[in-house]
Structure formats: structure tokens, C-alpha cells
Amino acid sequence: MNSFYKSIGLCEELTLATELNKTEFVSDLEKLIYKSNFGIFEVSEYSIPNRYKYRGIVNDHDFIIRRRKRFFENTIPNPKIKGRIDEKNGETYITVVFTPLTYHFLRIMFLVIVFSIIIVNMNHSKNNEMIFMILIPLFTLLTQYFIVKRGIAKEKYNFVRELNFIINKRNQFAIQQAEIF
């Protein structure tokens, strides 16, 4: 499915390398994430404590998370963030993939199907009405596409900031300890 998302421009990848130890990075990342398996009967996102910015699952080698929604925040959909954490030659490599939720993709596909049915059934109308009936669904579909694409770009920016904060906080702490001793 990621190759399909890549072909339509709704998948972004990111790779970071740091000298931070893998276990330290995972423990710092777990501090930001409320443990959840994205089930239907899970706790509502609005009742998660404010100190958690994300919800999801973090293991020693990978993670699947999503930024939690705030109350009355329905503007831009939050994508799914899948990551892999590897350690080679004393460096930790973090590979992150941002993809839209299945719900958002199904919403776009539903619009395509409904508007295709409307256009096929409108073959009896006049030519001017047919152009109008094609432009409205096309505009709606493109709007949904760019809303999801903007959500992915925004989440990539926010998550890179979080990762840089985790990495720099550890490095700054190590430098301050070295200056004390």
C-alpha cells in the first residue's frame, strides 16, 4: 500500500542518524507516547493526559504512532507514523514513514465512486450542466487530496522537531555533565 501512496504523493519518508544510544532514544520517545493499540474500545483521545503528544505503540525496534487530537481539532487529519530504529556502528538510524490513515483514503475513494456514478447517470442532461456536474466533484476531490497531503507535511515537520528535541536534549545534558566534572 505504501507504493500506491508514494505514486499518488501521499507518503513521505525520512531517515535520521544520531549518536544517541538506541535504548536511550526509545525511552525518551516513550515519554511522549500514550500506550494505545488504536482499538475501537480504547480511551478517547480527548481524555489522554496533556503531557502525551502522541498515542501508539513503541517497541525496541519499531514504532507506530499518531498525534493525538485536541478537543475541537478537526481541521487537518493526523497521519500514521511508522518508524524503524536500527543501531549500527555506534549510531542509531531512525527511518520514519508518514502515511494517511485508512479512513482518510477511504473518504477520498468514496467521493470518487459517488461522483463517478453521478457523472455516468447525468448523460441525459445538457452539455452546460454536464460540465458543472464534473467540476464540483473534481474540485471536492482535489480539495480532500490536498488537505490530506498538507496534514502529512505538517506532521512530518512537527515530528522532526520532536526528534531533534529528543536528540539535542540528550546531547546538551551530556555536555553540561562533562563541564561540571
C-alpha atoms as a PDB file:
ATOM      1  CA  MET A   1       0.000   0.000   0.000  1.00  0.00           C
ATOM      2  CA  ASN A   2       2.924   2.349   0.626  1.00  0.00           C
ATOM      3  CA  SER A   3       3.951   2.113  -3.029  1.00  0.00           C
ATOM      4  CA  PHE A   4       0.456   3.230  -4.031  1.00  0.00           C
ATOM      5  CA  TYR A   5       0.610   6.123  -1.569  1.00  0.00           C
ATOM      6  CA  LYS A   6       4.033   7.057  -2.973  1.00  0.00           C
ATOM      7  CA  SER A   7       2.720   7.012  -6.531  1.00  0.00           C
ATOM      8  CA  ILE A   8      -0.046   9.484  -5.693  1.00  0.00           C
ATOM      9  CA  GLY A   9       2.202  11.608  -3.453  1.00  0.00           C
ATOM     10  CA  LEU A  10       0.638  10.782  -0.074  1.00  0.00           C
ATOM     11  CA  CYS A  11       3.647   9.046   1.509  1.00  0.00           C
ATOM     12  CA  GLU A  12       6.758  10.735   2.828  1.00  0.00           C
ATOM     13  CA  GLU A  13       9.873   9.096   4.217  1.00  0.00           C
ATOM     14  CA  LEU A  14      12.563  10.420   6.483  1.00  0.00           C
ATOM     15  CA  THR A  15      15.851   8.969   7.725  1.00  0.00           C
ATOM     16  CA  LEU A  16      17.813  10.397  10.641  1.00  0.00           C
ATOM     17  CA  ALA A  17      21.127   9.313  12.133  1.00  0.00           C
ATOM     18  CA  THR A  18      22.263  10.151  15.655  1.00  0.00           C
ATOM     19  CA  GLU A  19      24.979   9.172  18.054  1.00  0.00           C
ATOM     20  CA  LEU A  20      22.375   8.696  20.781  1.00  0.00           C
ATOM     21  CA  ASN A  21      22.107   5.180  22.191  1.00  0.00           C
ATOM     22  CA  LYS A  22      19.123   3.183  20.924  1.00  0.00           C
ATOM     23  CA  THR A  23      17.748   2.343  24.390  1.00  0.00           C
ATOM     24  CA  GLU A  24      18.009   5.983  25.498  1.00  0.00           C
ATOM     25  CA  PHE A  25      16.215   7.136  22.376  1.00  0.00           C
ATOM     26  CA  VAL A  26      13.420   4.589  22.840  1.00  0.00           C
ATOM     27  CA  SER A  27      12.971   5.561  26.500  1.00  0.00           C
ATOM     28  CA  ASP A  28      12.789   9.268  25.591  1.00  0.00           C
ATOM     29  CA  LEU A  29      10.325   8.543  22.787  1.00  0.00           C
ATOM     30  CA  GLU A  30       8.118   6.501  25.124  1.00  0.00           C
ATOM     31  CA  LYS A  31       7.772   9.547  27.385  1.00  0.00           C
ATOM     32  CA  LEU A  32       5.888  11.355  24.589  1.00  0.00           C
ATOM     33  CA  ILE A  33       3.570   8.467  23.677  1.00  0.00           C
ATOM     34  CA  TYR A  34       0.423   7.238  25.394  1.00  0.00           C
ATOM     35  CA  LYS A  35       0.316   3.452  25.013  1.00  0.00           C
ATOM     36  CA  SER A  36      -2.569   2.513  22.738  1.00  0.00           C
ATOM     37  CA  ASN A  37      -3.258  -0.098  20.080  1.00  0.00           C
ATOM     38  CA  PHE A  38      -5.741   2.083  18.145  1.00  0.00           C
ATOM     39  CA  GLY A  39      -8.651  -0.217  19.004  1.00  0.00           C
ATOM     40  CA  ILE A  40     -12.292   0.793  18.783  1.00  0.00           C
ATOM     41  CA  PHE A  41     -12.834   0.381  22.509  1.00  0.00           C
ATOM     42  CA  GLU A  42      -9.798   2.433  23.502  1.00  0.00           C
ATOM     43  CA  VAL A  43      -9.846   5.506  25.689  1.00  0.00           C
ATOM     44  CA  SER A  44     -10.991   8.618  23.857  1.00  0.00           C
ATOM     45  CA  GLU A  45      -8.165  10.807  22.588  1.00  0.00           C
ATOM     46  CA  TYR A  46      -9.620  13.761  24.450  1.00  0.00           C
ATOM     47  CA  SER A  47      -9.204  12.021  27.811  1.00  0.00           C
ATOM     48  CA  ILE A  48      -5.480  11.316  27.374  1.00  0.00           C
ATOM     49  CA  PRO A  49      -3.336  13.433  29.730  1.00  0.00           C
ATOM     50  CA  ASN A  50      -1.846  16.581  28.198  1.00  0.00           C
ATOM     51  CA  ARG A  51       1.768  15.519  28.691  1.00  0.00           C
ATOM     52  CA  TYR A  52       1.394  12.947  25.903  1.00  0.00           C
ATOM     53  CA  LYS A  53       1.591  14.350  22.381  1.00  0.00           C
ATOM     54  CA  TYR A  54       1.172  11.040  20.575  1.00  0.00           C
ATOM     55  CA  ARG A  55      -0.595   7.730  21.035  1.00  0.00           C
ATOM     56  CA  GLY A  56       0.565   4.378  19.787  1.00  0.00           C
ATOM     57  CA  ILE A  57       2.967   1.510  20.278  1.00  0.00           C
ATOM     58  CA  VAL A  58       6.733   1.727  20.792  1.00  0.00           C
ATOM     59  CA  ASN A  59       8.963  -1.364  20.738  1.00  0.00           C
ATOM     60  CA  ASP A  60      12.734  -1.713  20.845  1.00  0.00           C
ATOM     61  CA  HIS A  61      12.980  -1.884  17.049  1.00  0.00           C
ATOM     62  CA  ASP A  62       9.960  -0.002  15.681  1.00  0.00           C
ATOM     63  CA  PHE A  63       7.003   2.203  16.490  1.00  0.00           C
ATOM     64  CA  ILE A  64       3.562   3.055  15.132  1.00  0.00           C
ATOM     65  CA  ILE A  65       2.135   6.303  16.434  1.00  0.00           C
ATOM     66  CA  ARG A  66      -0.283   9.085  15.625  1.00  0.00           C
ATOM     67  CA  ARG A  67      -0.530  12.601  17.028  1.00  0.00           C
ATOM     68  CA  ARG A  68      -3.459  12.785  19.386  1.00  0.00           C
ATOM     69  CA  LYS A  69      -6.312  15.134  18.633  1.00  0.00           C
ATOM     70  CA  ARG A  70      -7.141  18.020  20.880  1.00  0.00           C
ATOM     71  CA  PHE A  71     -10.679  18.942  21.773  1.00  0.00           C
ATOM     72  CA  PHE A  72     -12.460  20.610  18.794  1.00  0.00           C
ATOM     73  CA  GLU A  73      -9.494  19.966  16.472  1.00  0.00           C
ATOM     74  CA  ASN A  74     -10.808  18.582  13.204  1.00  0.00           C
ATOM     75  CA  THR A  75      -9.075  20.768  10.662  1.00  0.00           C
ATOM     76  CA  ILE A  76      -6.200  18.695   9.287  1.00  0.00           C
ATOM     77  CA  PRO A  77      -6.162  14.899   9.637  1.00  0.00           C
ATOM     78  CA  ASN A  78      -3.236  13.403  11.539  1.00  0.00           C
ATOM     79  CA  PRO A  79      -1.382  10.719   9.545  1.00  0.00           C
ATOM     80  CA  LYS A  80       0.017   7.442  10.786  1.00  0.00           C
ATOM     81  CA  ILE A  81       3.723   7.494  11.621  1.00  0.00           C
ATOM     82  CA  LYS A  82       5.618   4.220  11.269  1.00  0.00           C
ATOM     83  CA  GLY A  83       9.228   4.104  12.269  1.00  0.00           C
ATOM     84  CA  ARG A  84      12.098   1.672  12.455  1.00  0.00           C
ATOM     85  CA  ILE A  85      15.012   2.069  14.858  1.00  0.00           C
ATOM     86  CA  ASP A  86      18.329   0.406  13.970  1.00  0.00           C
ATOM     87  CA  GLU A  87      21.736   0.646  15.577  1.00  0.00           C
ATOM     88  CA  LYS A  88      24.893   0.182  13.505  1.00  0.00           C
ATOM     89  CA  ASN A  89      28.496   1.122  14.276  1.00  0.00           C
ATOM     90  CA  GLY A  90      27.578   3.106  17.385  1.00  0.00           C
ATOM     91  CA  GLU A  91      24.973   5.225  15.587  1.00  0.00           C
ATOM     92  CA  THR A  92      21.219   4.975  15.785  1.00  0.00           C
ATOM     93  CA  TYR A  93      19.339   5.191  12.495  1.00  0.00           C
ATOM     94  CA  ILE A  94      15.685   6.194  12.585  1.00  0.00           C
ATOM     95  CA  THR A  95      13.617   5.593   9.456  1.00  0.00           C
ATOM     96  CA  VAL A  96      10.156   7.159   9.536  1.00  0.00           C
ATOM     97  CA  VAL A  97       7.283   6.780   7.048  1.00  0.00           C
ATOM     98  CA  PHE A  98       4.263   9.117   7.105  1.00  0.00           C
ATOM     99  CA  THR A  99       1.069   7.746   5.506  1.00  0.00           C
ATOM    100  CA  PRO A 100      -2.558   8.828   5.712  1.00  0.00           C
ATOM    101  CA  LEU A 101      -4.975   6.861   7.820  1.00  0.00           C
ATOM    102  CA  THR A 102      -7.119   4.339   6.001  1.00  0.00           C
ATOM    103  CA  TYR A 103     -10.167   6.398   6.968  1.00  0.00           C
ATOM    104  CA  HIS A 104      -8.934   9.420   5.021  1.00  0.00           C
ATOM    105  CA  PHE A 105      -8.027   7.365   1.990  1.00  0.00           C
ATOM    106  CA  LEU A 106     -11.433   5.632   2.043  1.00  0.00           C
ATOM    107  CA  ARG A 107     -13.110   9.031   2.242  1.00  0.00           C
ATOM    108  CA  ILE A 108     -11.345  10.102  -0.961  1.00  0.00           C
ATOM    109  CA  MET A 109     -12.221   6.823  -2.700  1.00  0.00           C
ATOM    110  CA  PHE A 110     -15.856   7.144  -1.598  1.00  0.00           C
ATOM    111  CA  LEU A 111     -16.002  10.605  -3.172  1.00  0.00           C
ATOM    112  CA  VAL A 112     -14.519   9.274  -6.420  1.00  0.00           C
ATOM    113  CA  ILE A 113     -17.070   6.451  -6.620  1.00  0.00           C
ATOM    114  CA  VAL A 114     -20.086   8.613  -5.762  1.00  0.00           C
ATOM    115  CA  PHE A 115     -19.137  11.333  -8.194  1.00  0.00           C
ATOM    116  CA  SER A 116     -18.401   8.799 -10.933  1.00  0.00           C
ATOM    117  CA  ILE A 117     -21.885   7.354 -10.505  1.00  0.00           C
ATOM    118  CA  ILE A 118     -23.407  10.838 -10.668  1.00  0.00           C
ATOM    119  CA  ILE A 119     -21.473  11.700 -13.821  1.00  0.00           C
ATOM    120  CA  VAL A 120     -22.429   8.430 -15.556  1.00  0.00           C
ATOM    121  CA  ASN A 121     -26.096   8.947 -14.715  1.00  0.00           C
ATOM    122  CA  MET A 122     -26.047  12.535 -15.956  1.00  0.00           C
ATOM    123  CA  ASN A 123     -25.636  11.588 -19.636  1.00  0.00           C
ATOM    124  CA  HIS A 124     -29.198  12.772 -20.335  1.00  0.00           C
ATOM    125  CA  SER A 125     -28.553  16.382 -19.360  1.00  0.00           C
ATOM    126  CA  LYS A 126     -27.382  19.290 -21.418  1.00  0.00           C
ATOM    127  CA  ASN A 127     -23.729  19.953 -22.100  1.00  0.00           C
ATOM    128  CA  ASN A 128     -23.511  23.025 -19.803  1.00  0.00           C
ATOM    129  CA  GLU A 129     -24.983  21.101 -16.888  1.00  0.00           C
ATOM    130  CA  MET A 130     -22.589  18.225 -17.510  1.00  0.00           C
ATOM    131  CA  ILE A 131     -19.527  20.490 -17.216  1.00  0.00           C
ATOM    132  CA  PHE A 132     -20.881  21.952 -13.981  1.00  0.00           C
ATOM    133  CA  MET A 133     -21.569  18.472 -12.591  1.00  0.00           C
ATOM    134  CA  ILE A 134     -17.995  17.407 -13.375  1.00  0.00           C
ATOM    135  CA  LEU A 135     -16.278  20.494 -11.957  1.00  0.00           C
ATOM    136  CA  ILE A 136     -17.880  20.349  -8.491  1.00  0.00           C
ATOM    137  CA  PRO A 137     -16.844  16.727  -7.735  1.00  0.00           C
ATOM    138  CA  LEU A 138     -13.400  17.316  -9.205  1.00  0.00           C
ATOM    139  CA  PHE A 139     -12.908  20.377  -7.009  1.00  0.00           C
ATOM    140  CA  THR A 140     -14.088  18.447  -3.922  1.00  0.00           C
ATOM    141  CA  LEU A 141     -11.773  15.538  -4.675  1.00  0.00           C
ATOM    142  CA  LEU A 142      -8.752  17.768  -5.208  1.00  0.00           C
ATOM    143  CA  THR A 143      -9.526  19.671  -2.017  1.00  0.00           C
ATOM    144  CA  GLN A 144      -9.594  16.436   0.002  1.00  0.00           C
ATOM    145  CA  TYR A 145      -6.344  15.279  -1.584  1.00  0.00           C
ATOM    146  CA  PHE A 146      -4.520  18.498  -0.722  1.00  0.00           C
ATOM    147  CA  ILE A 147      -5.939  18.519   2.816  1.00  0.00           C
ATOM    148  CA  VAL A 148      -4.509  15.043   3.444  1.00  0.00           C
ATOM    149  CA  LYS A 149      -1.209  15.979   1.764  1.00  0.00           C
ATOM    150  CA  ARG A 150      -0.935  19.124   3.909  1.00  0.00           C
ATOM    151  CA  GLY A 151      -1.609  17.044   7.041  1.00  0.00           C
ATOM    152  CA  ILE A 152       1.266  14.719   6.169  1.00  0.00           C
ATOM    153  CA  ALA A 153       3.669  17.619   5.530  1.00  0.00           C
ATOM    154  CA  LYS A 154       2.657  19.336   8.768  1.00  0.00           C
ATOM    155  CA  GLU A 155       3.070  16.154  10.805  1.00  0.00           C
ATOM    156  CA  LYS A 156       6.471  15.474   9.235  1.00  0.00           C
ATOM    157  CA  TYR A 157       7.620  18.941  10.284  1.00  0.00           C
ATOM    158  CA  ASN A 158       6.290  18.511  13.847  1.00  0.00           C
ATOM    159  CA  PHE A 159       7.732  15.026  14.297  1.00  0.00           C
ATOM    160  CA  VAL A 160      11.179  16.065  13.041  1.00  0.00           C
ATOM    161  CA  ARG A 161      11.113  18.874  15.602  1.00  0.00           C
ATOM    162  CA  GLU A 162      10.251  16.351  18.340  1.00  0.00           C
ATOM    163  CA  LEU A 163      13.055  14.006  17.262  1.00  0.00           C
ATOM    164  CA  ASN A 164      15.567  16.857  17.132  1.00  0.00           C
ATOM    165  CA  PHE A 165      14.460  17.971  20.586  1.00  0.00           C
ATOM    166  CA  ILE A 166      14.977  14.444  21.973  1.00  0.00           C
ATOM    167  CA  ILE A 167      18.419  14.162  20.380  1.00  0.00           C
ATOM    168  CA  ASN A 168      19.625  17.653  21.322  1.00  0.00           C
ATOM    169  CA  LYS A 169      18.298  17.411  24.881  1.00  0.00           C
ATOM    170  CA  ARG A 170      20.400  14.294  25.495  1.00  0.00           C
ATOM    171  CA  ASN A 171      23.486  15.810  23.858  1.00  0.00           C
ATOM    172  CA  GLN A 172      23.107  19.075  25.767  1.00  0.00           C
ATOM    173  CA  PHE A 173      22.705  17.153  29.014  1.00  0.00           C
ATOM    174  CA  ALA A 174      25.876  15.172  28.289  1.00  0.00           C
ATOM    175  CA  ILE A 175      27.840  18.376  27.537  1.00  0.00           C
ATOM    176  CA  GLN A 176      26.628  20.038  30.752  1.00  0.00           C
ATOM    177  CA  GLN A 177      27.649  16.994  32.812  1.00  0.00           C
ATOM    178  CA  ALA A 178      31.088  16.985  31.215  1.00  0.00           C
ATOM    179  CA  GLU A 179      31.553  20.677  32.125  1.00  0.00           C
ATOM    180  CA  ILE A 180      30.620  20.032  35.760  1.00  0.00           C
ATOM    181  CA  PHE A 181      33.182  17.266  36.222  1.00  0.00           C
END
